[in-house]
Amino acid sequence: MIFKNLSKKKWYTGAVIACIGVAFYVLLSNIRPVLSAIGSFLGNFKAVFLAFIFAYILNPLARFFYYRLFAKSKLGKTRWALSVGLAVLTALVAVTFLLGMLIPQLARSILLFSENFDGYASSLGGLIESGPLQLVVDDVHLQTLTENAMGSVAGFVSENAGRILNAVANSGKGIVTTVIALILAVYILLEKNQVMGGFWRLIRALLRENTNEAFLDFVLRCDTILVSYLGQTLLDSLIIAGANAVFMLVCGMQYVGLVSVVVGVTNLVPNFGPIIGAVIGGFVLLLVKPAHALIFLIFCVALQFVDGYILKPKLFSSSLGVSGLLILIATIVLGNMFGVWGMLLAIPAAAILSFLYRDYFLPRQELRRQQGEKHEAVGSAAGPTALP
């Protein structure tokens, strides 16, 4: 009774708004601790979230094996289990092949850099002294500078030994979490029908029938966009990595596998990824032969021009139908908000926003305007209402 009487007071609405405003201000003032607490809580479910991501990525490959490879088999329920197992095995073989090609060459690059460090420093010093930007260093020899640099590196390592050990421990935890997530992803795929059935039953219980149909259509379209984006992005990166490998083999360059994998992986990140790949590959080749590094950078510029203006429009325009400007804006905004993951998801996010605006927002606004114009036309035709 007391609360009912209070709700009838004139000042009640204003007091509620003021309380909400104060609570919102307190929340914003302590947003970092709140986000940190939320992140710590969600960190307990990291393996589960990662498992669903793995399952979503592996699902199209499992479906491919299910409908193509085992289409005419009479295995019954075992058919889907075999498809899932073959999909996981294919992914593991691909990752093992890439790591087996990447890690040895990366180790050789680091070893080569450490062995020839003095020579690189001498070449750099000669370039500085004889180049257009001459730097005058009084009575300081390059060897002394090199020793000081190595001493600084050793001091940094000794001072930050604890952080380095923590980073190594976190890397170990990450590997364990990834393995657990992969195992959990297999179980999710094997019980996909039960998981999806429970999800859609919950949606039907929460939403009305017409809203449920609209939500189902939205989810299916988002799924189509994401699956298409993943497949075409991987295909584009494979083409770029293959073209880069062929060019490096023809030119007789070293570290073909390492540089090609780096270029292909960084190409997954729209707009800025190819620049990062070109810089890393150019630096690796610079340690071996500067002329090859220059040729490689020129080739990367030409290759990204072909990829950006010919290959990607052919792959993405028909399925996604999103403008390059919207992709660039989404890449910058999501990259600032979520880092590399935001950049990776920029293109599908831009595509989803585009079809939401084009197929949902604009038609509703046009319908409302038409209905408003009809009401105005009916009101003007009826004429002014006479006062009693």
Protein backbone atom coordinates (compact mmCIF):
# COMPACT_ATOMS: atom_id res chain seq x y z
CA MET A 1 0.00 0.00 0.00
CA ILE A 2 2.80 2.42 0.84
CA PHE A 3 4.46 1.91 -2.57
CA LYS A 4 1.13 2.29 -4.37
CA ASN A 5 0.51 5.59 -2.60
CA LEU A 6 4.04 6.77 -3.39
CA SER A 7 3.63 5.98 -7.08
CA LYS A 8 0.70 8.41 -7.20
CA LYS A 9 2.77 11.34 -5.93
CA LYS A 10 3.77 14.00 -8.43
CA TRP A 11 7.43 13.78 -7.50
CA TYR A 12 7.59 9.97 -7.84
CA THR A 13 8.50 9.86 -11.57
CA GLY A 14 11.19 12.49 -11.19
CA ALA A 15 12.68 10.70 -8.19
CA VAL A 16 12.84 7.39 -10.10
CA ILE A 17 14.54 9.10 -13.07
CA ALA A 18 17.02 10.78 -10.73
CA CYS A 19 17.85 7.46 -9.04
CA ILE A 20 18.38 5.79 -12.41
CA GLY A 21 20.61 8.68 -13.47
CA VAL A 22 22.71 8.42 -10.30
CA ALA A 23 23.04 4.64 -10.71
CA PHE A 24 24.06 5.08 -14.33
CA TYR A 25 26.65 7.72 -13.34
CA VAL A 26 28.11 5.44 -10.65
CA LEU A 27 28.28 2.60 -13.18
CA LEU A 28 30.11 4.76 -15.73
CA SER A 29 32.48 6.09 -13.05
CA ASN A 30 33.46 2.53 -12.16
CA ILE A 31 33.19 1.06 -15.64
CA ARG A 32 36.69 -0.42 -15.68
CA PRO A 33 36.31 -2.46 -12.46
CA VAL A 34 32.87 -3.56 -13.65
CA LEU A 35 34.21 -4.66 -17.04
CA SER A 36 37.16 -6.34 -15.33
CA ALA A 37 34.81 -8.26 -13.05
CA ILE A 38 32.64 -9.28 -16.01
CA GLY A 39 35.74 -10.34 -17.94
CA SER A 40 37.00 -12.39 -15.00
CA PHE A 41 33.62 -14.11 -14.69
CA LEU A 42 33.36 -14.83 -18.41
CA GLY A 43 36.95 -16.08 -18.38
CA ASN A 44 35.71 -19.16 -16.57
CA PHE A 45 33.70 -20.03 -19.68
CA LYS A 46 36.53 -19.32 -22.14
CA ALA A 47 36.88 -22.96 -23.16
CA VAL A 48 33.10 -23.22 -23.73
CA PHE A 49 32.98 -20.08 -25.90
CA LEU A 50 36.02 -21.25 -27.85
CA ALA A 51 34.43 -24.68 -28.29
CA PHE A 52 31.32 -23.17 -29.88
CA ILE A 53 33.52 -21.12 -32.22
CA PHE A 54 35.45 -24.25 -33.24
CA ALA A 55 32.21 -26.17 -33.72
CA TYR A 56 30.77 -23.39 -35.88
CA ILE A 57 33.90 -23.29 -38.06
CA LEU A 58 34.08 -27.08 -38.43
CA ASN A 59 30.34 -27.54 -39.07
CA PRO A 60 30.42 -26.55 -42.80
CA LEU A 61 33.30 -28.97 -43.40
CA ALA A 62 31.46 -31.75 -41.59
CA ARG A 63 28.31 -31.02 -43.61
CA PHE A 64 30.37 -31.17 -46.81
CA PHE A 65 31.62 -34.65 -45.93
CA TYR A 66 28.13 -35.69 -44.78
CA TYR A 67 26.34 -34.67 -48.00
CA ARG A 68 29.13 -35.31 -50.51
CA LEU A 69 31.49 -38.00 -49.33
CA PHE A 70 29.00 -40.15 -47.40
CA ALA A 71 25.89 -39.20 -49.38
CA LYS A 72 25.23 -42.72 -50.69
CA SER A 73 26.41 -44.63 -47.63
CA LYS A 74 24.06 -46.62 -45.39
CA LEU A 75 25.76 -45.89 -42.10
CA GLY A 76 22.79 -44.33 -40.31
CA LYS A 77 23.72 -42.28 -37.27
CA THR A 78 27.39 -43.24 -37.70
CA ARG A 79 27.43 -41.18 -40.90
CA TRP A 80 27.41 -37.84 -39.04
CA ALA A 81 29.97 -39.06 -36.49
CA LEU A 82 32.35 -40.06 -39.29
CA SER A 83 31.81 -36.70 -40.99
CA VAL A 84 32.66 -34.84 -37.77
CA GLY A 85 35.74 -36.98 -37.17
CA LEU A 86 36.98 -36.47 -40.71
CA ALA A 87 36.41 -32.71 -40.45
CA VAL A 88 38.42 -32.51 -37.21
CA LEU A 89 41.17 -34.68 -38.68
CA THR A 90 41.36 -32.49 -41.79
CA ALA A 91 41.65 -29.34 -39.69
CA LEU A 92 44.36 -30.87 -37.48
CA VAL A 93 46.36 -32.03 -40.50
CA ALA A 94 46.15 -28.57 -42.08
CA VAL A 95 47.25 -26.81 -38.87
CA THR A 96 50.06 -29.35 -38.29
CA PHE A 97 51.28 -28.87 -41.87
CA LEU A 98 51.34 -25.08 -41.50
CA LEU A 99 53.11 -25.20 -38.14
CA GLY A 100 55.58 -27.78 -39.40
CA MET A 101 56.44 -25.50 -42.30
CA LEU A 102 56.38 -22.28 -40.26
CA ILE A 103 58.23 -23.10 -37.02
CA PRO A 104 61.47 -24.56 -38.48
CA GLN A 105 61.89 -21.68 -40.91
CA LEU A 106 61.10 -19.17 -38.17
CA ALA A 107 63.74 -20.80 -35.95
CA ARG A 108 66.26 -20.66 -38.79
CA SER A 109 65.47 -16.98 -39.33
CA ILE A 110 66.05 -16.18 -35.66
CA LEU A 111 69.28 -18.21 -35.66
CA LEU A 112 70.47 -16.48 -38.82
CA PHE A 113 69.70 -13.09 -37.31
CA SER A 114 71.62 -13.88 -34.10
CA GLU A 115 74.62 -15.25 -36.00
CA ASN A 116 74.87 -12.26 -38.36
CA PHE A 117 73.90 -9.57 -35.85
CA ASP A 118 77.34 -7.95 -35.89
CA GLY A 119 77.37 -7.88 -39.68
CA TYR A 120 73.91 -6.31 -39.81
CA ALA A 121 74.98 -3.70 -37.26
CA SER A 122 78.14 -2.90 -39.25
CA SER A 123 76.15 -2.56 -42.47
CA LEU A 124 73.64 -0.33 -40.73
CA GLY A 125 76.40 1.81 -39.29
CA GLY A 126 78.05 2.19 -42.69
CA LEU A 127 74.73 3.08 -44.24
CA ILE A 128 74.14 5.75 -41.61
CA GLU A 129 77.62 7.25 -41.98
CA SER A 130 77.63 7.28 -45.78
CA GLY A 131 73.92 7.80 -46.45
CA PRO A 132 72.03 11.03 -47.09
CA LEU A 133 71.15 11.29 -43.37
CA GLN A 134 74.65 11.41 -41.92
CA LEU A 135 74.75 11.17 -38.17
CA VAL A 136 77.85 12.38 -36.38
CA VAL A 137 78.70 10.30 -33.31
CA ASP A 138 81.76 11.67 -31.50
CA ASP A 139 84.32 9.05 -30.47
CA VAL A 140 81.74 6.30 -30.19
CA HIS A 141 82.43 3.17 -32.18
CA LEU A 142 79.74 0.96 -33.56
CA GLN A 143 81.05 -1.98 -31.55
CA THR A 144 80.46 -0.06 -28.35
CA LEU A 145 76.93 0.75 -29.44
CA THR A 146 76.32 -2.92 -30.22
CA GLU A 147 77.61 -4.01 -26.81
CA ASN A 148 75.43 -1.42 -25.11
CA ALA A 149 72.40 -2.63 -27.05
CA MET A 150 73.06 -6.25 -26.11
CA GLY A 151 73.55 -5.19 -22.48
CA SER A 152 70.23 -3.36 -22.56
CA VAL A 153 68.53 -6.45 -23.92
CA ALA A 154 70.10 -8.62 -21.21
CA GLY A 155 69.06 -6.13 -18.54
CA PHE A 156 65.53 -6.06 -19.84
CA VAL A 157 65.34 -9.86 -19.75
CA SER A 158 66.67 -10.03 -16.18
CA GLU A 159 64.37 -7.28 -14.92
CA ASN A 160 61.29 -8.77 -16.55
CA ALA A 161 62.02 -12.44 -15.92
CA GLY A 162 58.84 -12.80 -13.87
CA ARG A 163 56.68 -11.35 -16.61
CA ILE A 164 58.34 -13.57 -19.19
CA LEU A 165 57.68 -16.65 -17.06
CA ASN A 166 54.06 -15.56 -16.60
CA ALA A 167 53.73 -15.14 -20.36
CA VAL A 168 55.13 -18.64 -20.90
CA ALA A 169 52.75 -20.04 -18.26
CA ASN A 170 49.79 -18.25 -19.87
CA SER A 171 50.82 -19.68 -23.23
CA GLY A 172 50.77 -23.16 -21.70
CA LYS A 173 47.34 -22.52 -20.22
CA GLY A 174 46.16 -21.27 -23.60
CA ILE A 175 47.31 -24.49 -25.28
CA VAL A 176 45.51 -26.59 -22.66
CA THR A 177 42.36 -24.47 -23.04
CA THR A 178 42.49 -24.86 -26.82
CA VAL A 179 42.79 -28.65 -26.56
CA ILE A 180 39.87 -28.81 -24.12
CA ALA A 181 37.82 -26.53 -26.37
CA LEU A 182 38.54 -28.73 -29.39
CA ILE A 183 37.41 -31.85 -27.53
CA LEU A 184 34.28 -30.05 -26.34
CA ALA A 185 33.63 -28.84 -29.90
CA VAL A 186 33.54 -32.46 -31.09
CA TYR A 187 30.85 -33.27 -28.50
CA ILE A 188 28.89 -30.15 -29.54
CA LEU A 189 28.97 -31.23 -33.18
CA LEU A 190 27.97 -34.80 -32.36
CA GLU A 191 24.95 -33.49 -30.42
CA LYS A 192 24.21 -30.61 -32.77
CA ASN A 193 20.55 -31.55 -33.28
CA GLN A 194 19.86 -31.62 -29.55
CA VAL A 195 21.71 -28.34 -28.96
CA MET A 196 19.93 -26.52 -31.80
CA GLY A 197 16.58 -28.04 -30.86
CA GLY A 198 16.89 -26.76 -27.30
CA PHE A 199 17.93 -23.30 -28.54
CA TRP A 200 14.99 -22.92 -30.92
CA ARG A 201 12.58 -24.23 -28.30
CA LEU A 202 13.79 -21.49 -25.96
CA ILE A 203 13.36 -18.87 -28.68
CA ARG A 204 9.82 -20.03 -29.43
CA ALA A 205 9.02 -19.84 -25.71
CA LEU A 206 10.37 -16.30 -25.37
CA LEU A 207 9.09 -14.67 -28.58
CA ARG A 208 5.75 -14.35 -30.28
CA GLU A 209 5.06 -16.36 -33.42
CA ASN A 210 5.54 -13.51 -35.92
CA THR A 211 8.63 -12.26 -34.05
CA ASN A 212 9.96 -15.81 -33.89
CA GLU A 213 9.78 -16.15 -37.68
CA ALA A 214 11.54 -12.82 -38.18
CA PHE A 215 14.26 -13.80 -35.71
CA LEU A 216 14.71 -17.18 -37.42
CA ASP A 217 15.09 -15.45 -40.79
CA PHE A 218 17.62 -13.03 -39.29
CA VAL A 219 19.70 -15.85 -37.74
CA LEU A 220 19.69 -17.88 -40.95
CA ARG A 221 20.80 -14.90 -43.02
CA CYS A 222 23.57 -14.10 -40.52
CA ASP A 223 24.68 -17.73 -40.66
CA THR A 224 24.75 -17.63 -44.47
CA ILE A 225 26.86 -14.47 -44.40
CA LEU A 226 29.33 -15.82 -41.85
CA VAL A 227 29.77 -19.20 -43.54
CA SER A 228 30.19 -17.57 -46.95
CA TYR A 229 32.66 -15.07 -45.52
CA LEU A 230 34.74 -17.76 -43.81
CA GLY A 231 34.92 -19.95 -46.90
CA GLN A 232 35.71 -17.16 -49.33
CA THR A 233 38.23 -15.53 -47.00
CA LEU A 234 40.12 -18.81 -46.62
CA LEU A 235 40.00 -19.32 -50.39
CA ASP A 236 41.29 -15.78 -50.99
CA SER A 237 44.14 -16.26 -48.49
CA LEU A 238 45.10 -19.59 -50.08
CA ILE A 239 45.22 -17.97 -53.52
CA ILE A 240 47.35 -15.08 -52.23
CA ALA A 241 49.72 -17.41 -50.36
CA GLY A 242 50.04 -19.67 -53.43
CA ALA A 243 50.73 -16.76 -55.79
CA ASN A 244 53.32 -15.41 -53.35
CA ALA A 245 55.02 -18.82 -53.10
CA VAL A 246 55.18 -19.23 -56.89
CA PHE A 247 56.67 -15.74 -57.30
CA MET A 248 59.32 -16.33 -54.63
CA LEU A 249 60.27 -19.71 -56.13
CA VAL A 250 60.62 -18.18 -59.60
CA CYS A 251 62.81 -15.38 -58.21
CA GLY A 252 64.93 -17.83 -56.20
CA MET A 253 64.13 -16.28 -52.82
CA GLN A 254 64.65 -18.02 -49.51
CA TYR A 255 62.08 -18.78 -46.78
CA VAL A 256 59.31 -19.35 -49.31
CA GLY A 257 57.12 -21.32 -46.90
CA LEU A 258 57.57 -18.94 -43.94
CA VAL A 259 56.88 -15.75 -45.87
CA SER A 260 53.99 -17.24 -47.86
CA VAL A 261 52.26 -18.48 -44.70
CA VAL A 262 52.72 -15.08 -43.04
CA VAL A 263 51.31 -13.31 -46.10
CA GLY A 264 48.35 -15.70 -46.29
CA VAL A 265 47.50 -15.50 -42.57
CA THR A 266 47.78 -11.71 -42.35
CA ASN A 267 45.63 -11.44 -45.48
CA LEU A 268 42.71 -12.66 -43.33
CA VAL A 269 42.64 -9.22 -41.69
CA PRO A 270 40.94 -6.80 -44.12
CA ASN A 271 42.68 -3.61 -45.30
CA PHE A 272 45.55 -3.57 -42.81
CA GLY A 273 46.55 -7.25 -42.79
CA PRO A 274 48.33 -7.25 -46.18
CA ILE A 275 50.47 -4.29 -45.06
CA ILE A 276 51.54 -6.18 -41.94
CA GLY A 277 52.34 -9.30 -44.00
CA ALA A 278 54.39 -7.31 -46.51
CA VAL A 279 56.41 -5.63 -43.73
CA ILE A 280 57.13 -8.92 -41.91
CA GLY A 281 58.04 -10.74 -45.12
CA GLY A 282 60.19 -7.85 -46.30
CA PHE A 283 62.06 -7.79 -42.98
CA VAL A 284 62.78 -11.53 -43.13
CA LEU A 285 64.14 -11.20 -46.68
CA LEU A 286 66.10 -8.09 -45.72
CA LEU A 287 68.19 -10.22 -43.37
CA VAL A 288 69.18 -12.45 -46.28
CA LYS A 289 69.31 -10.20 -49.34
CA PRO A 290 68.06 -6.57 -49.45
CA ALA A 291 67.42 -6.72 -53.19
CA HIS A 292 64.98 -9.59 -52.68
CA ALA A 293 63.22 -7.59 -49.98
CA LEU A 294 62.70 -4.67 -52.37
CA ILE A 295 61.41 -6.94 -55.16
CA PHE A 296 59.11 -8.68 -52.68
CA LEU A 297 57.60 -5.39 -51.48
CA ILE A 298 56.95 -4.26 -55.06
CA PHE A 299 55.29 -7.61 -55.79
CA CYS A 300 53.15 -7.31 -52.62
CA VAL A 301 51.84 -3.92 -53.75
CA ALA A 302 50.90 -5.33 -57.17
CA LEU A 303 49.41 -8.49 -55.64
CA GLN A 304 47.25 -6.56 -53.17
CA PHE A 305 46.06 -4.29 -55.99
CA VAL A 306 44.91 -7.34 -57.95
CA ASP A 307 43.41 -8.89 -54.80
CA GLY A 308 41.59 -5.75 -53.70
CA TYR A 309 40.18 -4.70 -57.06
CA ILE A 310 39.72 -7.99 -58.94
CA LEU A 311 39.78 -11.08 -56.72
CA LYS A 312 37.91 -9.97 -53.60
CA PRO A 313 35.10 -8.16 -55.48
CA LYS A 314 34.53 -11.38 -57.45
CA LEU A 315 34.43 -13.46 -54.27
CA PHE A 316 32.49 -11.19 -51.90
CA SER A 317 30.23 -8.98 -53.98
CA SER A 318 27.76 -11.66 -55.05
CA SER A 319 27.29 -13.19 -51.60
CA LEU A 320 27.75 -10.26 -49.22
CA GLY A 321 26.79 -7.23 -51.30
CA VAL A 322 28.47 -4.65 -49.05
CA SER A 323 30.31 -1.50 -50.09
CA GLY A 324 34.03 -1.01 -49.56
CA LEU A 325 33.44 2.22 -47.63
CA LEU A 326 31.26 0.45 -45.06
CA ILE A 327 33.88 -2.30 -44.73
CA LEU A 328 36.62 0.28 -44.11
CA ILE A 329 34.54 2.10 -41.48
CA ALA A 330 33.63 -1.18 -39.75
CA THR A 331 37.29 -2.27 -39.78
CA ILE A 332 38.47 0.95 -38.14
CA VAL A 333 35.70 1.08 -35.52
CA LEU A 334 35.69 -2.61 -34.60
CA GLY A 335 39.48 -2.71 -34.69
CA ASN A 336 39.66 0.10 -32.14
CA MET A 337 37.04 -1.60 -29.98
CA PHE A 338 38.11 -5.27 -30.15
CA GLY A 339 41.57 -5.31 -31.73
CA VAL A 340 42.44 -8.03 -34.25
CA TRP A 341 39.20 -9.95 -33.62
CA GLY A 342 37.24 -6.80 -34.50
CA MET A 343 39.14 -6.48 -37.77
CA LEU A 344 38.53 -10.13 -38.61
CA LEU A 345 34.78 -9.74 -38.08
CA ALA A 346 34.52 -6.34 -39.78
CA ILE A 347 33.32 -7.62 -43.17
CA PRO A 348 30.52 -9.92 -41.87
CA ALA A 349 29.47 -7.23 -39.36
CA ALA A 350 29.28 -4.67 -42.17
CA ALA A 351 27.27 -7.13 -44.29
CA ILE A 352 24.81 -7.81 -41.44
CA LEU A 353 24.36 -4.09 -40.73
CA SER A 354 23.86 -3.49 -44.44
CA PHE A 355 21.04 -6.01 -44.86
CA LEU A 356 19.44 -4.93 -41.56
CA TYR A 357 19.32 -1.36 -42.82
CA ARG A 358 18.26 -2.31 -46.35
CA ASP A 359 15.74 -5.09 -45.62
CA TYR A 360 14.34 -4.20 -42.18
CA PHE A 361 14.82 -0.57 -41.22
CA LEU A 362 14.08 1.14 -44.55
CA PRO A 363 10.96 -0.92 -45.44
CA ARG A 364 9.45 -0.26 -42.00
CA GLN A 365 10.15 3.45 -42.21
CA GLU A 366 8.67 3.61 -45.72
CA LEU A 367 5.59 1.68 -44.54
CA ARG A 368 5.10 4.05 -41.61
CA ARG A 369 5.38 7.04 -43.92
CA GLN A 370 2.84 5.58 -46.33
CA GLN A 371 0.44 4.88 -43.48
CA GLY A 372 0.91 8.41 -42.16
CA GLU A 373 0.21 9.89 -45.60
CA LYS A 374 -2.95 7.77 -45.88
CA HIS A 375 -4.20 9.00 -42.51
CA GLU A 376 -3.49 12.58 -43.50
CA ALA A 377 -5.33 12.08 -46.82
CA VAL A 378 -8.35 10.54 -45.05
CA GLY A 379 -8.42 13.37 -42.51
CA SER A 380 -8.22 16.10 -45.17
CA ALA A 381 -10.98 14.39 -47.23
CA ALA A 382 -13.35 14.22 -44.25
CA GLY A 383 -12.98 17.96 -43.68
CA PRO A 384 -12.93 19.84 -40.38
CA THR A 385 -15.07 18.41 -37.62
CA ALA A 386 -17.86 20.69 -36.48
CA LEU A 387 -17.82 21.78 -32.87
CA PRO A 388 -20.94 20.91 -30.85
